[in-house]
Amino acid sequence: MKSVILDPSFAAWRTEARNLLTEGVRPEDVFWRETDASATVFGSIVPPPPGSVDPNAKKPVKIAREFLAMLETAACYRAPDRWPFLYKALWRWTQGDRAIASPQDADGLRLHRMIETVEAEEREMRKVLRFRHRDSSLGPPEFISWFEPVHDLLEHAAMHFATRMGNATWMIATPHGAAFWDGALLRVDRTSEPEEKPMDFGDTAMSGEAVSGDAIEALWLAYYESTFAPAQENAAEMASHMPVRYWKSPENARTDPALISRADPYARRDRHPRNVPPEMEVAINTDLEPIKGTLLTEPPSLDACKRCALWRNATQAVPGVGPADARVMLVGEQPGDQEDREGKPFVGAAGALLDEVLAEAALSRESLYLTNAVKHFKWEAQGEERAHLAPAQREREACRFWLEEELKRIAPKVVVALGATALKALTGHRTALSEYLGKTIEHKGHIIVPTYHPSYLMRLTDDKVRAEVFGTIVEALVFAQQIADGIATIRTPVKDRTR
């Protein structure tokens, strides 16, 4: 009998399960036991150091992404035998027994019911959870909230709120733990058994808890501060001794008027917005130094920029290139896979298409300044490929610092916005790109000519449509150069509507 002691989290279980599968250990030969408490840090995943992977080691068993997602959701279902049951389901799958994924199978039926229960409770959490805004003079977190789920939804649902609240700092407490977000780094602390509801300390409450008057709230807020403070040496030790509490909303508490947890229709709906492949996930110390870069800090250089979390999984930052006195600046979305590796913009497939457009427009790449709205490559693994992911609003906002620096330094007469993301980054206005095609925008002293991004051509299969889009990009570049040369007038100017 093999004994496995693990943190009560899907990530910990998956690591142990992979090892067991590699060793060929059958479900009936494993005894599973949870630790009393654990902590998980997201947004700080790094690849293993060179030479740390044994080339002779057995390759991990490959599991279909859809089935792995089912297991991850079911892992939130709080049951005494959830970990051995999940391993049993995984074992059957790896042995070729696909019936485990069907509700017609006894185990499959239980798996589906676990998933349905968890998903229903998570929908309820997203619907009713409200964040309360704190006085900014008290420091972070800006928002606090609480929820009392029956199952372990905290880790599963936390990323949903992280993607929708941008770089705003927040804390969510539950009877079984709390989630902390500092704008870039997510930390989830769990405990296997909830503690009883604490008494109301009333006038004896600690200082700094003006929001609710609850001493336990102050305790969590103090824990938040210790978790993300620059000095983190004792964070892991504190986590092992910190009592997990929760509180009810006092009747006279001030509630944020908006249901902040409501899904942002413009945000990515991926529950796990990370950009590293599962094979790169490694154990992370709970005392890991937090991300110090924020939107309020000015990094010394682009290479040192940590204003958002994208730098962690990119090879390097990709700066703009071109003459210091270029009259036309082209702004794309972000570097691609090839740009990330070479450190130069527009050198991949989209860059090749751009060269075709420039040749048709009789323009020289060397005469233009080429850059991107976001300077780090955002991606997710799809097999052995690194697939592009659109940058989120908070990432565009973080990189606006560098874009504005380039606009000030180069001082181009005309800026060509290649695609919707570049247009949003340049104007701060969220709108359909089609609304501005063939027009110009005056924004903060700059003349902006919006058009399609060359990569859009790669997604078009209709030759006629592709030719039309190609011609539209060519026309925009020719028009931009004519404005810069003073031989064309601004065409139907559209004033900035954002401010």
Foldseek 3Di string as FASTA:
>chain_A
DAEDEFALAPLGLVVVLQVCVQVPPALVRYHYHYDFKDKDKPLQFAFDDPPPDDPPRDDTDDDDPVVSVLLRLLSQQDDPCSSSLSSNLVVCVSVVNPCLCPCVDPNNVVSVVSNVVSVVQLVVCLVPWFWAADDCVLPDQRTETEDEDPTRCCVLQVLLLLQQPAQHWYKYAYQFWIWTGRRAMIMTMGGPGGDDADDQPAPVADPSPVQASRNVVVLVVVLNCQQQPQDQPCNVVCSVVRHRHDDDHDPPGDTDPDRSSHGDPPTDPDSDQAQEEPVRGDDDDSSDRDQPADLPDDDPDQQRHPNHSLNSPFQTFAFKDEDQQQQEEEEEAEAEPVCSVVSYHLPDPLVVLVVVLCVVLVHDPRSYIYYYLAGGFGFHDDDPDTHGDGDGPSRSSSSLVVVVVSCVRNVHQEYEYAAQNSVCSVQVDHDDLVVQQPAWEQHPNYIYHYAHRSVVLVVDDDPVVSVVNSVSSSVSVNQSVCVSVVNDDGDHYDYRDPD
